[in-house]
């Protein structure tokens, strides 16, 4: 298992902070507003790491308070 610091380098959409549930479409979607060039380069290479990936850490505020 990897720690959260190595997950910041890129990971799956399931653990990304930008991957949210869209109630209109009843599914999870990426909340980023990418332009056409960024989306094309990302979708053409599915093994490329997303440059906008941020690990979803629910306890980040709790650690700051300690």
PDB file of N, CA and C in Angstrom:
ATOM      1  N   UNK A   1       0.844  -1.175   0.000  1.00  0.00           N
ATOM      2  CA  UNK A   1       0.000   0.000   0.000  1.00  0.00           C
ATOM      3  C   UNK A   1       0.895   1.246   0.000  1.00  0.00           C
ATOM      4  N   UNK A   2       0.468   2.266  -0.745  1.00  0.00           N
ATOM      5  CA  UNK A   2       1.263   3.480  -0.847  1.00  0.00           C
ATOM      6  C   UNK A   2       0.750   4.530   0.114  1.00  0.00           C
ATOM      7  N   UNK A   3       1.624   5.434   0.502  1.00  0.00           N
ATOM      8  CA  UNK A   3       1.193   6.502   1.401  1.00  0.00           C
ATOM      9  C   UNK A   3       0.628   7.665   0.597  1.00  0.00           C
ATOM     10  N   UNK A   4       0.047   8.649   1.270  1.00  0.00           N
ATOM     11  CA  UNK A   4      -0.634   9.746   0.589  1.00  0.00           C
ATOM     12  C   UNK A   4       0.325  10.651  -0.177  1.00  0.00           C
ATOM     13  N   UNK A   5       1.599  10.730   0.227  1.00  0.00           N
ATOM     14  CA  UNK A   5       2.531  11.586  -0.490  1.00  0.00           C
ATOM     15  C   UNK A   5       2.814  11.047  -1.882  1.00  0.00           C
ATOM     16  N   UNK A   6       2.894   9.726  -2.045  1.00  0.00           N
ATOM     17  CA  UNK A   6       3.137   9.173  -3.365  1.00  0.00           C
ATOM     18  C   UNK A   6       1.867   9.209  -4.205  1.00  0.00           C
ATOM     19  N   UNK A   7       0.711   9.285  -3.586  1.00  0.00           N
ATOM     20  CA  UNK A   7      -0.533   9.375  -4.348  1.00  0.00           C
ATOM     21  C   UNK A   7      -0.690  10.747  -4.996  1.00  0.00           C
ATOM     22  N   UNK A   8      -0.024  11.765  -4.484  1.00  0.00           N
ATOM     23  CA  UNK A   8      -0.109  13.089  -5.086  1.00  0.00           C
ATOM     24  C   UNK A   8       0.518  13.136  -6.465  1.00  0.00           C
ATOM     25  N   UNK A   9       1.351  12.172  -6.790  1.00  0.00           N
ATOM     26  CA  UNK A   9       2.006  12.148  -8.090  1.00  0.00           C
ATOM     27  C   UNK A   9       1.041  11.726  -9.194  1.00  0.00           C
ATOM     28  N   UNK A  10      -0.098  11.213  -8.873  1.00  0.00           N
ATOM     29  CA  UNK A  10      -1.084  10.758  -9.849  1.00  0.00           C
ATOM     30  C   UNK A  10      -1.716   9.485  -9.341  1.00  0.00           C
ATOM     31  N   UNK A  11      -2.936   9.254  -9.687  1.00  0.00           N
ATOM     32  CA  UNK A  11      -3.610   8.065  -9.218  1.00  0.00           C
ATOM     33  C   UNK A  11      -4.902   7.858  -9.967  1.00  0.00           C
ATOM     34  N   UNK A  12      -5.772   7.086  -9.382  1.00  0.00           N
ATOM     35  CA  UNK A  12      -7.038   6.818 -10.034  1.00  0.00           C
ATOM     36  C   UNK A  12      -8.043   7.921  -9.733  1.00  0.00           C
ATOM     37  N   UNK A  13      -9.004   8.055 -10.602  1.00  0.00           N
ATOM     38  CA  UNK A  13     -10.026   9.088 -10.422  1.00  0.00           C
ATOM     39  C   UNK A  13     -10.850   8.854  -9.161  1.00  0.00           C
ATOM     40  N   UNK A  14     -10.990   7.594  -8.750  1.00  0.00           N
ATOM     41  CA  UNK A  14     -11.810   7.275  -7.583  1.00  0.00           C
ATOM     42  C   UNK A  14     -11.325   7.969  -6.314  1.00  0.00           C
ATOM     43  N   UNK A  15     -10.040   8.223  -6.208  1.00  0.00           N
ATOM     44  CA  UNK A  15      -9.512   8.851  -4.988  1.00  0.00           C
ATOM     45  C   UNK A  15      -9.172  10.320  -5.186  1.00  0.00           C
ATOM     46  N   UNK A  16      -9.602  10.913  -6.298  1.00  0.00           N
ATOM     47  CA  UNK A  16      -9.295  12.313  -6.589  1.00  0.00           C
ATOM     48  C   UNK A  16     -10.362  13.239  -6.005  1.00  0.00           C
ATOM     49  N   UNK A  17      -9.941  14.400  -5.566  1.00  0.00           N
ATOM     50  CA  UNK A  17     -10.853  15.376  -4.977  1.00  0.00           C
ATOM     51  C   UNK A  17     -11.802  15.974  -6.027  1.00  0.00           C
ATOM     52  N   UNK A  18     -11.399  15.934  -7.288  1.00  0.00           N
ATOM     53  CA  UNK A  18     -12.215  16.505  -8.364  1.00  0.00           C
ATOM     54  C   UNK A  18     -13.265  15.534  -8.904  1.00  0.00           C
ATOM     55  N   UNK A  19     -13.243  14.285  -8.464  1.00  0.00           N
ATOM     56  CA  UNK A  19     -14.166  13.260  -8.925  1.00  0.00           C
ATOM     57  C   UNK A  19     -15.391  13.300  -8.022  1.00  0.00           C
ATOM     58  N   UNK A  20     -16.480  13.906  -8.509  1.00  0.00           N
ATOM     59  CA  UNK A  20     -17.664  14.136  -7.681  1.00  0.00           C
ATOM     60  C   UNK A  20     -18.887  13.448  -8.273  1.00  0.00           C
ATOM     61  N   UNK A  21     -19.885  13.269  -7.447  1.00  0.00           N
ATOM     62  CA  UNK A  21     -21.137  12.665  -7.893  1.00  0.00           C
ATOM     63  C   UNK A  21     -22.033  13.743  -8.485  1.00  0.00           C
ATOM     64  N   UNK A  22     -22.446  13.550  -9.721  1.00  0.00           N
ATOM     65  CA  UNK A  22     -23.320  14.490 -10.413  1.00  0.00           C
ATOM     66  C   UNK A  22     -24.754  14.002 -10.286  1.00  0.00           C
ATOM     67  N   UNK A  23     -25.572  14.718  -9.532  1.00  0.00           N
ATOM     68  CA  UNK A  23     -26.950  14.296  -9.279  1.00  0.00           C
ATOM     69  C   UNK A  23     -27.835  14.417 -10.511  1.00  0.00           C
ATOM     70  N   UNK A  24     -27.463  15.281 -11.458  1.00  0.00           N
ATOM     71  CA  UNK A  24     -28.247  15.410 -12.682  1.00  0.00           C
ATOM     72  C   UNK A  24     -28.110  14.176 -13.568  1.00  0.00           C
ATOM     73  N   UNK A  25     -26.891  13.641 -13.683  1.00  0.00           N
ATOM     74  CA  UNK A  25     -26.638  12.480 -14.528  1.00  0.00           C
ATOM     75  C   UNK A  25     -26.591  11.170 -13.748  1.00  0.00           C
ATOM     76  N   UNK A  26     -26.670  11.245 -12.413  1.00  0.00           N
ATOM     77  CA  UNK A  26     -26.652  10.092 -11.525  1.00  0.00           C
ATOM     78  C   UNK A  26     -25.405   9.224 -11.703  1.00  0.00           C
ATOM     79  N   UNK A  27     -24.266   9.870 -11.817  1.00  0.00           N
ATOM     80  CA  UNK A  27     -22.996   9.151 -11.923  1.00  0.00           C
ATOM     81  C   UNK A  27     -21.864  10.065 -11.457  1.00  0.00           C
ATOM     82  N   UNK A  28     -20.680   9.489 -11.316  1.00  0.00           N
ATOM     83  CA  UNK A  28     -19.506  10.259 -10.923  1.00  0.00           C
ATOM     84  C   UNK A  28     -18.853  10.860 -12.164  1.00  0.00           C
ATOM     85  N   UNK A  29     -18.400  12.102 -12.049  1.00  0.00           N
ATOM     86  CA  UNK A  29     -17.729  12.789 -13.149  1.00  0.00           C
ATOM     87  C   UNK A  29     -16.569  13.614 -12.605  1.00  0.00           C
ATOM     88  N   UNK A  30     -15.689  13.995 -13.513  1.00  0.00           N
ATOM     89  CA  UNK A  30     -14.576  14.861 -13.158  1.00  0.00           C
ATOM     90  C   UNK A  30     -15.077  16.304 -13.184  1.00  0.00           C
ATOM     91  N   UNK A  31     -14.820  17.035 -12.124  1.00  0.00           N
ATOM     92  CA  UNK A  31     -15.319  18.397 -11.971  1.00  0.00           C
ATOM     93  C   UNK A  31     -14.387  19.446 -12.574  1.00  0.00           C
ATOM     94  N   UNK A  32     -13.279  19.030 -13.147  1.00  0.00           N
ATOM     95  CA  UNK A  32     -12.330  19.976 -13.727  1.00  0.00           C
ATOM     96  C   UNK A  32     -12.862  20.552 -15.029  1.00  0.00           C
ATOM     97  N   UNK A  33     -12.507  21.784 -15.277  1.00  0.00           N
ATOM     98  CA  UNK A  33     -12.909  22.452 -16.506  1.00  0.00           C
ATOM     99  C   UNK A  33     -11.686  22.502 -17.426  1.00  0.00           C
ATOM    100  N   UNK A  34     -11.439  21.394 -18.159  1.00  0.00           N
ATOM    101  CA  UNK A  34     -10.288  21.313 -19.046  1.00  0.00           C
ATOM    102  C   UNK A  34     -10.640  21.888 -20.407  1.00  0.00           C
ATOM    103  N   UNK A  35      -9.643  22.479 -21.069  1.00  0.00           N
ATOM    104  CA  UNK A  35      -9.886  22.925 -22.433  1.00  0.00           C
ATOM    105  C   UNK A  35      -9.740  21.726 -23.375  1.00  0.00           C
ATOM    106  N   UNK A  36     -10.033  21.919 -24.631  1.00  0.00           N
ATOM    107  CA  UNK A  36     -10.067  20.822 -25.584  1.00  0.00           C
ATOM    108  C   UNK A  36      -8.694  20.168 -25.763  1.00  0.00           C
ATOM    109  N   UNK A  37      -7.634  20.953 -25.775  1.00  0.00           N
ATOM    110  CA  UNK A  37      -6.293  20.403 -25.942  1.00  0.00           C
ATOM    111  C   UNK A  37      -5.892  19.518 -24.766  1.00  0.00           C
ATOM    112  N   UNK A  38      -6.190  19.968 -23.546  1.00  0.00           N
ATOM    113  CA  UNK A  38      -5.860  19.177 -22.361  1.00  0.00           C
ATOM    114  C   UNK A  38      -6.648  17.875 -22.346  1.00  0.00           C
ATOM    115  N   UNK A  39      -7.925  17.935 -22.671  1.00  0.00           N
ATOM    116  CA  UNK A  39      -8.762  16.739 -22.659  1.00  0.00           C
ATOM    117  C   UNK A  39      -8.331  15.754 -23.743  1.00  0.00           C
ATOM    118  N   UNK A  40      -7.986  16.264 -24.905  1.00  0.00           N
ATOM    119  CA  UNK A  40      -7.552  15.388 -25.997  1.00  0.00           C
ATOM    120  C   UNK A  40      -6.255  14.675 -25.636  1.00  0.00           C
ATOM    121  N   UNK A  41      -5.280  15.396 -25.106  1.00  0.00           N
ATOM    122  CA  UNK A  41      -4.009  14.763 -24.756  1.00  0.00           C
ATOM    123  C   UNK A  41      -4.178  13.758 -23.625  1.00  0.00           C
ATOM    124  N   UNK A  42      -5.091  14.025 -22.700  1.00  0.00           N
ATOM    125  CA  UNK A  42      -5.318  13.101 -21.588  1.00  0.00           C
ATOM    126  C   UNK A  42      -6.053  11.844 -22.040  1.00  0.00           C
ATOM    127  N   UNK A  43      -7.048  11.975 -22.906  1.00  0.00           N
ATOM    128  CA  UNK A  43      -7.837  10.819 -23.324  1.00  0.00           C
ATOM    129  C   UNK A  43      -7.133   9.970 -24.373  1.00  0.00           C
ATOM    130  N   UNK A  44      -6.185  10.520 -25.121  1.00  0.00           N
ATOM    131  CA  UNK A  44      -5.471   9.732 -26.119  1.00  0.00           C
ATOM    132  C   UNK A  44      -4.488   8.761 -25.485  1.00  0.00           C
ATOM    133  N   UNK A  45      -4.012   9.068 -24.306  1.00  0.00           N
ATOM    134  CA  UNK A  45      -3.080   8.192 -23.608  1.00  0.00           C
ATOM    135  C   UNK A  45      -3.684   7.828 -22.254  1.00  0.00           C
ATOM    136  N   UNK A  46      -4.430   6.716 -22.177  1.00  0.00           N
ATOM    137  CA  UNK A  46      -5.124   6.381 -20.921  1.00  0.00           C
ATOM    138  C   UNK A  46      -4.190   6.018 -19.771  1.00  0.00           C
ATOM    139  N   UNK A  47      -2.913   5.733 -20.043  1.00  0.00           N
ATOM    140  CA  UNK A  47      -1.983   5.369 -18.977  1.00  0.00           C
ATOM    141  C   UNK A  47      -1.215   6.562 -18.443  1.00  0.00           C
ATOM    142  N   UNK A  48      -1.455   7.730 -19.000  1.00  0.00           N
ATOM    143  CA  UNK A  48      -0.792   8.947 -18.540  1.00  0.00           C
ATOM    144  C   UNK A  48      -1.406   9.389 -17.217  1.00  0.00           C
ATOM    145  N   UNK A  49      -0.591   9.884 -16.329  1.00  0.00           N
ATOM    146  CA  UNK A  49      -1.094  10.368 -15.043  1.00  0.00           C
ATOM    147  C   UNK A  49      -1.735  11.737 -15.231  1.00  0.00           C
ATOM    148  N   UNK A  50      -2.829  11.955 -14.559  1.00  0.00           N
ATOM    149  CA  UNK A  50      -3.548  13.222 -14.650  1.00  0.00           C
ATOM    150  C   UNK A  50      -2.744  14.312 -13.934  1.00  0.00           C
ATOM    151  N   UNK A  51      -2.480  15.432 -14.605  1.00  0.00           N
ATOM    152  CA  UNK A  51      -1.707  16.501 -13.961  1.00  0.00           C
ATOM    153  C   UNK A  51      -2.505  17.264 -12.909  1.00  0.00           C
ATOM    154  N   UNK A  52      -3.810  17.068 -12.866  1.00  0.00           N
ATOM    155  CA  UNK A  52      -4.667  17.790 -11.930  1.00  0.00           C
ATOM    156  C   UNK A  52      -5.089  16.937 -10.739  1.00  0.00           C
ATOM    157  N   UNK A  53      -4.563  15.729 -10.651  1.00  0.00           N
ATOM    158  CA  UNK A  53      -4.948  14.804  -9.590  1.00  0.00           C
ATOM    159  C   UNK A  53      -4.572  15.353  -8.221  1.00  0.00           C
ATOM    160  N   UNK A  54      -5.534  15.323  -7.295  1.00  0.00           N
ATOM    161  CA  UNK A  54      -5.285  15.678  -5.895  1.00  0.00           C
ATOM    162  C   UNK A  54      -5.954  14.620  -5.037  1.00  0.00           C
ATOM    163  N   UNK A  55      -5.175  14.015  -4.163  1.00  0.00           N
ATOM    164  CA  UNK A  55      -5.690  12.957  -3.302  1.00  0.00           C
ATOM    165  C   UNK A  55      -6.755  13.509  -2.357  1.00  0.00           C
ATOM    166  N   UNK A  56      -7.891  12.835  -2.301  1.00  0.00           N
ATOM    167  CA  UNK A  56      -8.980  13.240  -1.407  1.00  0.00           C
ATOM    168  C   UNK A  56      -8.637  12.777   0.006  1.00  0.00           C
ATOM    169  N   UNK A  57      -8.360  13.725   0.862  1.00  0.00           N
ATOM    170  CA  UNK A  57      -7.984  13.436   2.241  1.00  0.00           C
ATOM    171  C   UNK A  57      -8.964  14.143   3.165  1.00  0.00           C
ATOM    172  N   UNK A  58      -9.915  13.375   3.698  1.00  0.00           N
ATOM    173  CA  UNK A  58     -10.949  13.964   4.543  1.00  0.00           C
ATOM    174  C   UNK A  58     -10.415  14.471   5.871  1.00  0.00           C
ATOM    175  N   UNK A  59      -9.249  14.002   6.284  1.00  0.00           N
ATOM    176  CA  UNK A  59      -8.732  14.336   7.602  1.00  0.00           C
ATOM    177  C   UNK A  59      -7.654  15.411   7.572  1.00  0.00           C
ATOM    178  N   UNK A  60      -7.498  16.104   6.464  1.00  0.00           N
ATOM    179  CA  UNK A  60      -6.444  17.106   6.356  1.00  0.00           C
ATOM    180  C   UNK A  60      -6.643  18.261   7.347  1.00  0.00           C
ATOM    181  N   UNK A  61      -7.866  18.685   7.566  1.00  0.00           N
ATOM    182  CA  UNK A  61      -8.141  19.762   8.531  1.00  0.00           C
ATOM    183  C   UNK A  61      -7.921  19.304   9.969  1.00  0.00           C
ATOM    184  N   UNK A  62      -8.200  18.049  10.250  1.00  0.00           N
ATOM    185  CA  UNK A  62      -8.007  17.543  11.599  1.00  0.00           C
ATOM    186  C   UNK A  62      -6.530  17.532  11.952  1.00  0.00           C
ATOM    187  N   UNK A  63      -5.680  17.142  11.002  1.00  0.00           N
ATOM    188  CA  UNK A  63      -4.243  17.118  11.256  1.00  0.00           C
ATOM    189  C   UNK A  63      -3.692  18.515  11.506  1.00  0.00           C
ATOM    190  N   UNK A  64      -4.263  19.518  10.866  1.00  0.00           N
ATOM    191  CA  UNK A  64      -3.799  20.896  11.059  1.00  0.00           C
ATOM    192  C   UNK A  64      -4.149  21.397  12.459  1.00  0.00           C
ATOM    193  N   UNK A  65      -5.231  20.893  13.029  1.00  0.00           N
ATOM    194  CA  UNK A  65      -5.675  21.352  14.350  1.00  0.00           C
ATOM    195  C   UNK A  65      -4.857  20.746  15.484  1.00  0.00           C
ATOM    196  N   UNK A  66      -4.216  19.640  15.218  1.00  0.00           N
ATOM    197  CA  UNK A  66      -3.451  18.935  16.271  1.00  0.00           C
ATOM    198  C   UNK A  66      -2.129  19.592  16.514  1.00  0.00           C
TER     199      UNK A  66
END
